[in-house]
Amino acid sequence: MAVSNKSTSAGRFGPRYGRRIRVKISNIETQMRQKHKCPQCGRKSVKRINTAIWQCTKCETTFAGGTYLPDTPMGRVSQKVSGKVGSE
């Protein structure tokens, strides 16, 4: 019997929309569903509640972040800039 490929979250689209788009969606959704680090308590227990709304299951801190990840690349840049401005 042949070994079949493991279906990902983008398998719900079937053959529609093309392979490249389905692979991108699958990569984004696997990153989104991982546990992320809490900015308050530091534990890896942040889960996505809704679009851009994230909550830590440990300390129950709710905060706004990126749509698919709690911290965006531009958010990281602004954190660095604000840290440098505050230290001067």
C-alpha atoms as a PDB file:
ATOM      1  CA  MET A   1       0.000   0.000   0.000  1.00  0.00           C
ATOM      2  CA  ALA A   2       1.314   3.454  -0.889  1.00  0.00           C
ATOM      3  CA  VAL A   3       2.177   5.970   1.800  1.00  0.00           C
ATOM      4  CA  SER A   4      -0.061   9.014   1.622  1.00  0.00           C
ATOM      5  CA  ASN A   5       0.953  12.570   2.419  1.00  0.00           C
ATOM      6  CA  LYS A   6      -0.185  14.070   5.688  1.00  0.00           C
ATOM      7  CA  SER A   7      -2.980  16.542   5.113  1.00  0.00           C
ATOM      8  CA  THR A   8      -2.409  20.058   6.445  1.00  0.00           C
ATOM      9  CA  SER A   9      -4.876  22.749   7.443  1.00  0.00           C
ATOM     10  CA  ALA A  10      -4.973  23.962   3.836  1.00  0.00           C
ATOM     11  CA  GLY A  11      -6.267  20.556   2.756  1.00  0.00           C
ATOM     12  CA  ARG A  12      -9.774  21.936   3.210  1.00  0.00           C
ATOM     13  CA  PHE A  13      -9.326  23.787  -0.107  1.00  0.00           C
ATOM     14  CA  GLY A  14      -8.784  20.574  -2.068  1.00  0.00           C
ATOM     15  CA  PRO A  15      -7.253  21.197  -5.497  1.00  0.00           C
ATOM     16  CA  ARG A  16      -8.484  24.809  -5.633  1.00  0.00           C
ATOM     17  CA  TYR A  17      -6.339  27.993  -5.600  1.00  0.00           C
ATOM     18  CA  GLY A  18      -3.037  26.348  -6.554  1.00  0.00           C
ATOM     19  CA  ARG A  19      -0.291  24.609  -4.636  1.00  0.00           C
ATOM     20  CA  ARG A  20       1.851  27.640  -3.778  1.00  0.00           C
ATOM     21  CA  ILE A  21      -0.983  29.535  -2.089  1.00  0.00           C
ATOM     22  CA  ARG A  22      -2.060  26.457  -0.145  1.00  0.00           C
ATOM     23  CA  VAL A  23       1.520  25.901   1.085  1.00  0.00           C
ATOM     24  CA  LYS A  24       1.748  29.555   2.204  1.00  0.00           C
ATOM     25  CA  ILE A  25      -1.565  29.278   4.050  1.00  0.00           C
ATOM     26  CA  SER A  26      -0.434  26.057   5.695  1.00  0.00           C
ATOM     27  CA  ASN A  27       2.832  27.649   6.893  1.00  0.00           C
ATOM     28  CA  ILE A  28       1.039  30.715   8.286  1.00  0.00           C
ATOM     29  CA  GLU A  29      -1.568  28.635  10.088  1.00  0.00           C
ATOM     30  CA  THR A  30       0.967  26.279  11.675  1.00  0.00           C
ATOM     31  CA  GLN A  31       2.884  29.287  13.047  1.00  0.00           C
ATOM     32  CA  MET A  32      -0.356  30.879  14.225  1.00  0.00           C
ATOM     33  CA  ARG A  33      -1.467  27.771  16.135  1.00  0.00           C
ATOM     34  CA  GLN A  34       1.802  27.366  18.047  1.00  0.00           C
ATOM     35  CA  LYS A  35       2.167  28.527  21.632  1.00  0.00           C
ATOM     36  CA  HIS A  36       3.841  31.933  21.815  1.00  0.00           C
ATOM     37  CA  LYS A  37       5.783  33.730  24.543  1.00  0.00           C
ATOM     38  CA  CYS A  38       3.763  35.958  26.868  1.00  0.00           C
ATOM     39  CA  PRO A  39       5.060  39.546  27.135  1.00  0.00           C
ATOM     40  CA  GLN A  40       3.830  39.752  30.746  1.00  0.00           C
ATOM     41  CA  CYS A  41       4.910  36.504  32.445  1.00  0.00           C
ATOM     42  CA  GLY A  42       7.365  35.152  29.839  1.00  0.00           C
ATOM     43  CA  ARG A  43       5.831  31.665  29.513  1.00  0.00           C
ATOM     44  CA  LYS A  44       4.989  30.003  26.216  1.00  0.00           C
ATOM     45  CA  SER A  45       1.270  30.013  26.784  1.00  0.00           C
ATOM     46  CA  VAL A  46      -0.197  32.655  24.467  1.00  0.00           C
ATOM     47  CA  LYS A  47      -3.014  31.533  22.189  1.00  0.00           C
ATOM     48  CA  ARG A  48      -5.013  33.400  19.576  1.00  0.00           C
ATOM     49  CA  ILE A  49      -8.571  34.224  20.618  1.00  0.00           C
ATOM     50  CA  ASN A  50      -9.722  36.173  17.583  1.00  0.00           C
ATOM     51  CA  THR A  51      -8.223  38.238  14.781  1.00  0.00           C
ATOM     52  CA  ALA A  52      -5.224  40.089  16.298  1.00  0.00           C
ATOM     53  CA  ILE A  53      -6.393  39.346  19.868  1.00  0.00           C
ATOM     54  CA  TRP A  54      -4.099  37.133  21.947  1.00  0.00           C
ATOM     55  CA  GLN A  55      -4.430  35.794  25.489  1.00  0.00           C
ATOM     56  CA  CYS A  56      -2.018  34.105  27.873  1.00  0.00           C
ATOM     57  CA  THR A  57      -3.570  30.980  29.379  1.00  0.00           C
ATOM     58  CA  LYS A  58      -1.331  31.271  32.464  1.00  0.00           C
ATOM     59  CA  CYS A  59      -1.708  34.889  33.613  1.00  0.00           C
ATOM     60  CA  GLU A  60      -4.807  35.626  31.457  1.00  0.00           C
ATOM     61  CA  THR A  61      -3.294  38.798  30.008  1.00  0.00           C
ATOM     62  CA  THR A  62      -5.169  39.816  26.873  1.00  0.00           C
ATOM     63  CA  PHE A  63      -3.432  42.022  24.331  1.00  0.00           C
ATOM     64  CA  ALA A  64      -3.593  43.082  20.702  1.00  0.00           C
ATOM     65  CA  GLY A  65      -0.931  41.859  18.335  1.00  0.00           C
ATOM     66  CA  GLY A  66      -0.555  40.914  14.720  1.00  0.00           C
ATOM     67  CA  THR A  67      -3.217  39.090  12.777  1.00  0.00           C
ATOM     68  CA  TYR A  68      -1.349  35.793  12.590  1.00  0.00           C
ATOM     69  CA  LEU A  69       1.455  36.261  15.154  1.00  0.00           C
ATOM     70  CA  PRO A  70       1.424  38.141  18.467  1.00  0.00           C
ATOM     71  CA  ASP A  71       4.391  40.304  17.462  1.00  0.00           C
ATOM     72  CA  THR A  72       4.872  41.752  13.990  1.00  0.00           C
ATOM     73  CA  PRO A  73       8.181  42.727  12.363  1.00  0.00           C
ATOM     74  CA  MET A  74       7.223  46.423  12.518  1.00  0.00           C
ATOM     75  CA  GLY A  75       6.258  46.006  16.159  1.00  0.00           C
ATOM     76  CA  ARG A  76       9.704  44.616  16.941  1.00  0.00           C
ATOM     77  CA  VAL A  77      11.334  47.578  15.160  1.00  0.00           C
ATOM     78  CA  SER A  78       9.241  50.073  17.123  1.00  0.00           C
ATOM     79  CA  GLN A  79      10.148  48.298  20.394  1.00  0.00           C
ATOM     80  CA  LYS A  80      13.858  48.667  19.561  1.00  0.00           C
ATOM     81  CA  VAL A  81      13.454  52.338  18.613  1.00  0.00           C
ATOM     82  CA  SER A  82      11.444  53.186  21.722  1.00  0.00           C
ATOM     83  CA  GLY A  83      14.015  51.380  23.873  1.00  0.00           C
ATOM     84  CA  LYS A  84      16.857  53.418  22.370  1.00  0.00           C
ATOM     85  CA  VAL A  85      14.969  56.703  22.754  1.00  0.00           C
ATOM     86  CA  GLY A  86      14.141  55.975  26.388  1.00  0.00           C
ATOM     87  CA  SER A  87      17.751  55.149  27.274  1.00  0.00           C
ATOM     88  CA  GLU A  88      19.148  58.455  25.946  1.00  0.00           C
END
